[in-house]
Amino acid sequence: MLHHNPASAASASYKAAGFTQRFEDLVKSRDHRSRGMSRSVTAAEACDLAAKLRRTIDGTADDAALLRVLAHNPEVLRLAERDDGGELGFVAYLPLNARGYAAMLDGGFQPRDPDTALLCRAGERPVAAFIWCAYAPGQFVAAVAAMTAHFEEVVPGGVTMFTRAATPSAARLFESIGFVQAVDFFPGIEPDVLVVFPAHAQPVRATPAAAVRPGQVRTRIARTIEDTMKVFAIRSATFIADQSCPYDEEFDGNDFCGAHLLGEIDGEPAGCIRVRFFGDFVKLERLAVRPEFRKSSLAFKLVRAAIDYARTKGFRTMYGHARHDLVAFWSRFGFRVVEDRPTFRFSDVDYVEMIGEISASPQPVGLACSPYELIRPEGAWDVPGPLDRSAARSSGRPRVGVTPNCSA
């Protein structure tokens, strides 16, 4: 049996898990007081632990299902112990592969009798994880502190985690940790499922525009023709109508060479920013907010979202051109005026060059990611896309009329 000691520091994966800061602080403080350990269990121990759980909670998977899952992946059930060997509690999780993730989102995942074809084996990188059960009465924080080192094996780099609350007190506990209603993001999921996203994720709520709360400010990547038209309309109203910029100077031939972030207030297109990528730096430009929305916080949210987006793509340096009267604004985000570079002018306005450093993303998009992450819609690498769902199709035969070796 492998023993894991978290005393050296909580794993990067635990820190990237997206838990609330309060909960992380509690775990950290507990980790300093009692180091603890976690270990895998034998089949007999697993059945004993499940029997203990059933005395408290109804609906627990039976021993046959538990043993079948343990035979598939012996690491899914972890026992947390104090330094003196006393039991703190146990946690069981189900590491989901691409098919398992798709089944979870479509409401087809059955936690009481999980299909092992939807689960990763030990050592395989999961696409997501389902917390099957967590039992540590009165000692939950201590148990998690003992298990933090194992997070690197459970959710390497941080992945989306799902669970269900078996009791109202469990629901309150999960909410305090950072879990939220999954149906707000995934309309097809079972209504009682909870989700917590990795800290680096930018999840998009699946809320229709008509249901947006009054005053709600949202930012997102423009991915469709309609989104791009909204961006162009905002810039036309801002730069051409409000600032008398000539058309061919505003629409400069670079709009289909970069990415656009769209900002909305109460569902109304209100602002945008363009991001272009150059080797080892990213350029932020064309920040625009319609005149009627300039008293809102949208400009700040757009810049922060653009920086987070660039960090996730692995960039560490940002660059831009600022009007003299907006140098202070851009300085809030870490930009500084480039020394020994002259002021320059275009569209009848003077500008200075500004540059800044971006802190490293805990989990940038790169070759270490799963292939499914790299073919998801831009900026939504933590949310499964159409090709994740296609992985759930079990037939290996190509569909009629579809070339089997098409690339993604």
Protein backbone atom coordinates (compact mmCIF):
# COMPACT_ATOMS: atom_id res chain seq x y z
CA MET A 1 0.00 0.00 0.00
CA LEU A 2 1.31 3.44 -0.90
CA HIS A 3 1.39 6.12 1.77
CA HIS A 4 1.26 9.80 0.86
CA ASN A 5 2.48 12.54 3.17
CA PRO A 6 1.21 16.05 2.38
CA ALA A 7 3.56 17.79 4.80
CA SER A 8 5.97 18.86 2.07
CA ALA A 9 3.15 21.11 0.72
CA ALA A 10 -0.24 20.63 -0.82
CA SER A 11 0.07 19.53 -4.42
CA ALA A 12 -0.27 21.98 -7.27
CA SER A 13 -3.34 20.04 -8.34
CA TYR A 14 -5.05 20.63 -5.00
CA LYS A 15 -4.29 24.36 -5.23
CA ALA A 16 -5.69 24.38 -8.77
CA ALA A 17 -8.89 22.64 -7.76
CA GLY A 18 -10.97 25.81 -7.51
CA PHE A 19 -11.96 25.45 -3.84
CA THR A 20 -12.87 28.58 -1.87
CA GLN A 21 -10.04 30.53 -0.28
CA ARG A 22 -11.56 30.04 3.18
CA PHE A 23 -11.52 26.27 2.78
CA GLU A 24 -7.94 26.32 1.46
CA ASP A 25 -6.87 28.36 4.49
CA LEU A 26 -8.55 25.87 6.83
CA VAL A 27 -6.81 22.93 5.15
CA LYS A 28 -3.47 24.73 5.21
CA SER A 29 -3.78 25.54 8.93
CA ARG A 30 -4.76 21.96 9.70
CA ASP A 31 -1.86 20.65 7.60
CA HIS A 32 0.58 22.56 9.79
CA ARG A 33 -0.87 21.10 13.00
CA SER A 34 -1.22 17.46 11.92
CA ARG A 35 0.47 16.00 8.89
CA GLY A 36 -1.56 12.82 8.54
CA MET A 37 -1.51 10.36 5.66
CA SER A 38 -3.79 8.77 3.11
CA ARG A 39 -3.60 5.28 1.70
CA SER A 40 -5.43 2.89 -0.58
CA VAL A 41 -7.44 0.07 1.01
CA THR A 42 -7.97 -3.63 0.59
CA ALA A 43 -11.23 -5.09 -0.71
CA ALA A 44 -12.18 -6.22 2.82
CA GLU A 45 -11.45 -2.77 4.26
CA ALA A 46 -13.51 -1.19 1.48
CA CYS A 47 -16.55 -3.31 2.32
CA ASP A 48 -16.18 -2.46 6.02
CA LEU A 49 -15.99 1.27 5.21
CA ALA A 50 -19.04 1.02 2.93
CA ALA A 51 -21.00 -0.74 5.69
CA LYS A 52 -20.13 2.11 8.07
CA LEU A 53 -21.35 4.62 5.51
CA ARG A 54 -24.64 2.77 4.94
CA ARG A 55 -25.50 3.07 8.62
CA THR A 56 -25.62 6.84 8.11
CA ILE A 57 -26.56 7.45 4.46
CA ASP A 58 -29.08 5.67 2.24
CA GLY A 59 -28.42 4.99 -1.43
CA THR A 60 -24.80 3.91 -1.14
CA ALA A 61 -23.51 1.59 -3.86
CA ASP A 62 -23.61 -2.08 -2.92
CA ASP A 63 -20.50 -4.18 -2.31
CA ALA A 64 -20.62 -5.78 -5.76
CA ALA A 65 -20.45 -2.37 -7.47
CA LEU A 66 -17.73 -1.20 -5.08
CA LEU A 67 -15.56 -4.26 -5.64
CA ARG A 68 -16.02 -4.07 -9.40
CA VAL A 69 -14.83 -0.46 -9.42
CA LEU A 70 -11.88 -1.26 -7.12
CA ALA A 71 -10.83 -4.11 -9.40
CA HIS A 72 -10.83 -1.61 -12.29
CA ASN A 73 -8.92 1.08 -10.33
CA PRO A 74 -7.66 0.22 -6.82
CA GLU A 75 -6.89 3.88 -6.05
CA VAL A 76 -10.47 5.18 -6.09
CA LEU A 77 -11.03 4.74 -2.34
CA ARG A 78 -8.64 6.52 0.02
CA LEU A 79 -8.46 6.18 3.80
CA ALA A 80 -7.17 9.21 5.73
CA GLU A 81 -5.30 8.52 8.96
CA ARG A 82 -3.68 10.58 11.69
CA ASP A 83 0.02 10.27 12.40
CA ASP A 84 -0.78 7.82 15.20
CA GLY A 85 -2.81 5.60 12.84
CA GLY A 86 -6.23 6.76 13.99
CA GLU A 87 -8.87 6.98 11.28
CA LEU A 88 -9.94 10.43 10.09
CA GLY A 89 -12.33 9.36 7.35
CA PHE A 90 -12.37 8.20 3.77
CA VAL A 91 -13.08 9.56 0.29
CA ALA A 92 -14.01 7.62 -2.83
CA TYR A 93 -13.87 9.21 -6.26
CA LEU A 94 -14.56 8.09 -9.81
CA PRO A 95 -12.03 9.36 -12.40
CA LEU A 96 -14.02 9.92 -15.59
CA ASN A 97 -12.63 9.37 -19.08
CA ALA A 98 -14.06 11.22 -22.10
CA ARG A 99 -17.01 8.84 -22.39
CA GLY A 100 -17.68 9.16 -18.67
CA TYR A 101 -17.60 12.96 -18.90
CA ALA A 102 -20.06 12.91 -21.80
CA ALA A 103 -22.35 10.52 -19.90
CA MET A 104 -22.23 12.77 -16.85
CA LEU A 105 -23.25 15.82 -18.86
CA ASP A 106 -26.04 13.98 -20.68
CA GLY A 107 -27.55 12.60 -17.46
CA GLY A 108 -26.52 9.04 -18.33
CA PHE A 109 -23.98 8.44 -15.55
CA GLN A 110 -25.16 6.07 -12.79
CA PRO A 111 -23.11 6.58 -9.58
CA ARG A 112 -24.83 3.75 -7.68
CA ASP A 113 -23.80 1.23 -10.34
CA PRO A 114 -21.03 2.88 -12.40
CA ASP A 115 -20.00 1.43 -15.74
CA THR A 116 -16.24 0.87 -15.49
CA ALA A 117 -15.91 1.56 -19.23
CA LEU A 118 -16.55 5.21 -18.30
CA LEU A 119 -13.76 5.26 -15.69
CA CYS A 120 -10.00 5.69 -15.94
CA ARG A 121 -7.65 3.04 -14.70
CA ALA A 122 -4.92 3.89 -12.20
CA GLY A 123 -2.32 6.13 -13.83
CA GLU A 124 -4.61 7.36 -16.63
CA ARG A 125 -5.31 11.09 -16.81
CA PRO A 126 -9.00 11.78 -16.11
CA VAL A 127 -11.07 14.28 -18.05
CA ALA A 128 -13.18 14.96 -14.93
CA ALA A 129 -13.84 13.37 -11.55
CA PHE A 130 -16.94 12.45 -9.55
CA ILE A 131 -16.64 12.43 -5.75
CA TRP A 132 -18.42 9.16 -5.03
CA CYS A 133 -18.56 9.59 -1.27
CA ALA A 134 -16.83 11.56 1.47
CA TYR A 135 -17.15 10.36 5.06
CA ALA A 136 -15.29 12.09 7.87
CA PRO A 137 -17.78 13.04 10.60
CA GLY A 138 -16.43 16.06 12.46
CA GLN A 139 -13.00 15.69 10.83
CA PHE A 140 -13.57 16.58 7.17
CA VAL A 141 -10.93 19.34 6.99
CA ALA A 142 -8.36 17.13 8.70
CA ALA A 143 -9.15 14.27 6.32
CA VAL A 144 -8.77 16.52 3.26
CA ALA A 145 -5.49 17.89 4.64
CA ALA A 146 -4.20 14.32 4.89
CA MET A 147 -5.20 13.64 1.28
CA THR A 148 -3.88 16.74 -0.48
CA ALA A 149 -0.74 15.02 -1.75
CA HIS A 150 -2.89 12.41 -3.47
CA PHE A 151 -4.67 15.09 -5.53
CA GLU A 152 -1.90 14.93 -8.13
CA GLU A 153 -2.95 11.34 -8.89
CA VAL A 154 -6.69 12.02 -8.61
CA VAL A 155 -6.94 15.22 -10.66
CA PRO A 156 -3.55 16.00 -12.25
CA GLY A 157 -3.33 19.72 -12.96
CA GLY A 158 -6.89 20.24 -11.76
CA VAL A 159 -10.04 19.04 -13.53
CA THR A 160 -13.75 19.71 -13.22
CA MET A 161 -15.17 17.78 -10.25
CA PHE A 162 -18.76 16.68 -9.72
CA THR A 163 -20.61 15.26 -6.73
CA ARG A 164 -24.04 14.83 -5.15
CA ALA A 165 -24.97 15.88 -1.61
CA ALA A 166 -26.60 13.02 0.29
CA THR A 167 -27.84 15.23 3.14
CA PRO A 168 -28.66 18.92 3.67
CA SER A 169 -25.57 19.31 5.87
CA ALA A 170 -23.44 17.80 3.10
CA ALA A 171 -24.96 20.28 0.64
CA ARG A 172 -23.98 23.17 2.93
CA LEU A 173 -20.49 21.76 3.30
CA PHE A 174 -19.98 21.37 -0.45
CA GLU A 175 -21.27 24.91 -1.01
CA SER A 176 -18.73 26.25 1.49
CA ILE A 177 -15.97 24.42 -0.38
CA GLY A 178 -16.91 25.99 -3.71
CA PHE A 179 -19.37 23.59 -5.36
CA VAL A 180 -22.32 25.09 -7.26
CA GLN A 181 -25.32 23.72 -9.14
CA ALA A 182 -24.03 21.96 -12.28
CA VAL A 183 -27.27 22.45 -14.19
CA ASP A 184 -26.48 26.18 -14.37
CA PHE A 185 -23.62 25.25 -16.72
CA PHE A 186 -24.72 21.93 -18.23
CA PRO A 187 -28.47 21.87 -19.06
CA GLY A 188 -28.53 18.11 -19.73
CA ILE A 189 -27.03 17.04 -16.41
CA GLU A 190 -29.00 15.55 -13.51
CA PRO A 191 -30.51 18.41 -11.49
CA ASP A 192 -28.98 17.39 -8.13
CA VAL A 193 -25.37 17.26 -9.35
CA LEU A 194 -22.91 19.83 -7.99
CA VAL A 195 -19.73 21.01 -9.72
CA VAL A 196 -16.52 22.83 -8.88
CA PHE A 197 -14.29 24.02 -11.71
CA PRO A 198 -10.49 24.32 -11.67
CA ALA A 199 -9.19 27.67 -10.45
CA HIS A 200 -7.96 28.54 -13.96
CA ALA A 201 -11.31 27.80 -15.65
CA GLN A 202 -13.67 30.40 -17.07
CA PRO A 203 -16.97 28.49 -17.04
CA VAL A 204 -19.90 29.89 -19.00
CA ARG A 205 -23.33 29.65 -17.44
CA ALA A 206 -26.02 28.12 -19.63
CA THR A 207 -28.49 30.85 -18.69
CA PRO A 208 -30.70 32.27 -21.47
CA ALA A 209 -30.44 36.02 -22.03
CA ALA A 210 -34.05 36.47 -20.86
CA ALA A 211 -33.13 35.06 -17.46
CA VAL A 212 -30.05 37.21 -16.89
CA ARG A 213 -30.18 39.01 -13.55
CA PRO A 214 -30.60 42.82 -13.72
CA GLY A 215 -27.23 44.53 -13.86
CA GLN A 216 -25.36 41.31 -14.59
CA VAL A 217 -22.06 41.85 -16.40
CA ARG A 218 -20.72 38.97 -18.48
CA THR A 219 -17.66 38.54 -20.67
CA ARG A 220 -17.03 35.71 -23.12
CA ILE A 221 -15.09 34.77 -26.23
CA ALA A 222 -16.83 35.77 -29.46
CA ARG A 223 -17.08 32.47 -31.35
CA THR A 224 -19.94 32.94 -33.80
CA ILE A 225 -20.71 35.27 -36.70
CA GLU A 226 -23.44 36.84 -34.57
CA ASP A 227 -21.00 37.48 -31.72
CA THR A 228 -18.52 39.04 -34.15
CA MET A 229 -21.25 41.28 -35.58
CA LYS A 230 -22.00 42.47 -32.05
CA VAL A 231 -18.32 43.31 -31.58
CA PHE A 232 -18.26 45.28 -34.84
CA ALA A 233 -21.45 47.12 -33.86
CA ILE A 234 -19.93 48.13 -30.50
CA ARG A 235 -16.75 49.40 -32.13
CA SER A 236 -18.71 51.28 -34.79
CA ALA A 237 -20.75 53.02 -32.10
CA THR A 238 -17.66 53.76 -30.03
CA PHE A 239 -14.84 54.62 -32.41
CA ILE A 240 -16.57 55.65 -35.64
CA ALA A 241 -19.70 57.39 -34.31
CA ASP A 242 -18.43 58.65 -30.95
CA GLN A 243 -14.76 59.37 -31.83
CA SER A 244 -15.00 60.04 -35.60
CA CYS A 245 -12.44 57.39 -36.51
CA PRO A 246 -12.35 56.63 -40.28
CA TYR A 247 -13.82 53.23 -41.18
CA ASP A 248 -10.71 51.79 -42.85
CA GLU A 249 -8.57 52.78 -39.85
CA GLU A 250 -10.90 51.17 -37.33
CA PHE A 251 -11.41 47.96 -39.32
CA ASP A 252 -7.75 47.52 -40.09
CA GLY A 253 -7.54 44.03 -41.59
CA ASN A 254 -6.66 42.32 -38.29
CA ASP A 255 -10.10 41.36 -37.04
CA PHE A 256 -9.92 37.83 -38.41
CA CYS A 257 -6.34 37.36 -37.20
CA GLY A 258 -7.06 37.56 -33.48
CA ALA A 259 -9.67 36.82 -30.84
CA HIS A 260 -12.45 39.05 -29.57
CA LEU A 261 -13.99 39.14 -26.11
CA LEU A 262 -17.56 40.36 -25.93
CA GLY A 263 -18.98 42.11 -22.86
CA GLU A 264 -22.71 42.16 -22.12
CA ILE A 265 -24.80 43.95 -19.49
CA ASP A 266 -28.25 42.49 -18.90
CA GLY A 267 -27.73 40.52 -22.11
CA GLU A 268 -27.11 43.69 -24.17
CA PRO A 269 -23.82 43.88 -26.15
CA ALA A 270 -21.98 46.69 -24.35
CA GLY A 271 -18.21 46.32 -24.80
CA CYS A 272 -15.41 44.35 -26.42
CA ILE A 273 -11.65 43.94 -26.62
CA ARG A 274 -9.39 42.36 -29.27
CA VAL A 275 -6.45 40.09 -28.50
CA ARG A 276 -3.70 39.23 -30.98
CA PHE A 277 -0.83 36.81 -30.47
CA PHE A 278 2.81 37.34 -31.47
CA GLY A 279 5.31 34.60 -30.66
CA ASP A 280 6.20 35.32 -27.03
CA PHE A 281 3.81 38.18 -26.28
CA VAL A 282 0.13 39.04 -26.56
CA LYS A 283 -1.27 42.41 -27.69
CA LEU A 284 -4.44 43.82 -26.11
CA GLU A 285 -6.22 46.37 -28.29
CA ARG A 286 -9.52 47.86 -29.49
CA LEU A 287 -11.01 48.05 -25.98
CA ALA A 288 -14.42 49.66 -26.50
CA VAL A 289 -17.42 50.31 -24.25
CA ARG A 290 -20.58 51.92 -25.61
CA PRO A 291 -21.13 55.45 -24.19
CA GLU A 292 -24.26 54.51 -22.23
CA PHE A 293 -22.36 51.79 -20.32
CA ARG A 294 -19.18 53.67 -19.39
CA LYS A 295 -20.15 54.12 -15.74
CA SER A 296 -20.17 50.33 -15.32
CA SER A 297 -17.24 48.06 -14.42
CA LEU A 298 -17.28 46.45 -17.86
CA ALA A 299 -13.97 47.91 -19.11
CA PHE A 300 -12.14 46.47 -16.10
CA LYS A 301 -13.81 43.08 -16.47
CA LEU A 302 -12.96 42.91 -20.17
CA VAL A 303 -9.27 43.62 -19.58
CA ARG A 304 -9.06 41.11 -16.72
CA ALA A 305 -10.82 38.47 -18.83
CA ALA A 306 -8.45 39.12 -21.74
CA ILE A 307 -5.41 38.76 -19.46
CA ASP A 308 -6.75 35.52 -17.96
CA TYR A 309 -7.41 34.23 -21.46
CA ALA A 310 -3.83 35.05 -22.50
CA ARG A 311 -2.44 33.39 -19.37
CA THR A 312 -4.38 30.22 -20.10
CA LYS A 313 -2.87 30.17 -23.59
CA GLY A 314 0.58 30.26 -21.96
CA PHE A 315 1.61 33.87 -22.56
CA ARG A 316 3.72 35.72 -19.99
CA THR A 317 4.13 39.15 -21.62
CA MET A 318 1.43 41.62 -22.70
CA TYR A 319 1.80 44.71 -24.88
CA GLY A 320 -0.46 47.54 -25.99
CA HIS A 321 -0.82 51.15 -27.22
CA ALA A 322 -2.39 53.63 -24.82
CA ARG A 323 -3.60 57.19 -25.14
CA HIS A 324 -1.84 59.52 -22.69
CA ASP A 325 -5.02 60.00 -20.70
CA LEU A 326 -5.46 56.22 -20.29
CA VAL A 327 -1.95 55.32 -19.07
CA ALA A 328 -3.20 55.25 -15.45
CA PHE A 329 -6.05 52.90 -16.42
CA TRP A 330 -3.75 50.38 -18.08
CA SER A 331 -1.24 50.65 -15.22
CA ARG A 332 -3.86 49.05 -12.94
CA PHE A 333 -3.34 45.78 -14.81
CA GLY A 334 0.45 45.76 -14.64
CA PHE A 335 1.25 47.70 -17.81
CA ARG A 336 4.08 50.24 -17.75
CA VAL A 337 5.22 52.75 -20.36
CA VAL A 338 8.12 51.42 -22.45
CA GLU A 339 11.19 53.49 -21.67
CA ASP A 340 13.08 55.34 -24.42
CA ARG A 341 10.32 54.82 -26.99
CA PRO A 342 8.83 57.94 -28.58
CA THR A 343 5.17 58.88 -28.65
CA PHE A 344 3.54 57.95 -31.96
CA ARG A 345 0.31 59.00 -33.64
CA PHE A 346 -2.53 57.43 -35.64
CA SER A 347 -6.16 58.34 -36.28
CA ASP A 348 -5.33 61.86 -35.01
CA VAL A 349 -4.51 60.60 -31.49
CA ASP A 350 -1.15 60.36 -29.68
CA TYR A 351 -0.19 57.01 -28.15
CA VAL A 352 2.58 55.47 -26.05
CA GLU A 353 3.73 51.87 -25.97
CA MET A 354 3.06 49.89 -22.79
CA ILE A 355 4.23 46.46 -21.70
CA GLY A 356 3.60 44.21 -18.72
CA GLU A 357 4.31 40.77 -17.31
CA ILE A 358 1.60 38.16 -16.72
CA SER A 359 1.78 35.66 -13.87
CA ALA A 360 1.99 32.07 -15.02
CA SER A 361 -1.24 30.12 -15.38
CA PRO A 362 -1.41 27.08 -13.05
CA GLN A 363 -2.61 24.98 -15.98
CA PRO A 364 -1.94 26.56 -19.39
CA VAL A 365 -3.31 24.97 -22.53
CA GLY A 366 -0.50 22.96 -24.10
CA LEU A 367 0.76 19.59 -25.21
CA ALA A 368 0.29 18.16 -21.72
CA CYS A 369 -3.48 18.56 -22.11
CA SER A 370 -5.70 15.76 -23.32
CA PRO A 371 -6.55 15.80 -27.05
CA TYR A 372 -10.16 16.57 -26.18
CA GLU A 373 -9.17 19.78 -24.39
CA LEU A 374 -7.24 20.98 -27.44
CA ILE A 375 -10.21 20.61 -29.81
CA ARG A 376 -12.79 22.28 -27.60
CA PRO A 377 -14.21 25.72 -28.46
CA GLU A 378 -11.70 28.53 -27.96
CA GLY A 379 -11.53 29.75 -24.38
CA ALA A 380 -13.75 26.94 -23.07
CA TRP A 381 -11.09 24.29 -22.63
CA ASP A 382 -12.59 23.11 -19.31
CA VAL A 383 -16.06 22.61 -20.73
CA PRO A 384 -16.67 19.58 -22.97
CA GLY A 385 -17.45 20.35 -26.59
CA PRO A 386 -19.12 18.46 -29.44
CA LEU A 387 -16.15 16.15 -29.97
CA ASP A 388 -16.13 15.08 -26.30
CA ARG A 389 -19.68 13.89 -26.78
CA SER A 390 -18.78 12.06 -29.96
CA ALA A 391 -16.32 9.97 -27.93
CA ALA A 392 -19.30 8.38 -26.19
CA ARG A 393 -20.32 6.66 -29.40
CA SER A 394 -19.19 3.09 -28.96
CA SER A 395 -19.20 1.98 -32.59
CA GLY A 396 -15.82 2.02 -34.27
CA ARG A 397 -17.35 1.98 -37.71
CA PRO A 398 -17.22 5.29 -39.60
CA ARG A 399 -20.54 6.92 -40.33
CA VAL A 400 -21.84 6.73 -43.88
CA GLY A 401 -20.48 9.60 -45.95
CA VAL A 402 -17.80 10.57 -43.38
CA THR A 403 -14.14 10.06 -44.20
CA PRO A 404 -12.69 8.02 -41.32
CA ASN A 405 -9.30 9.75 -41.29
CA CYS A 406 -10.51 13.36 -41.12
CA SER A 407 -8.38 15.52 -38.82
CA ALA A 408 -9.33 17.86 -36.01
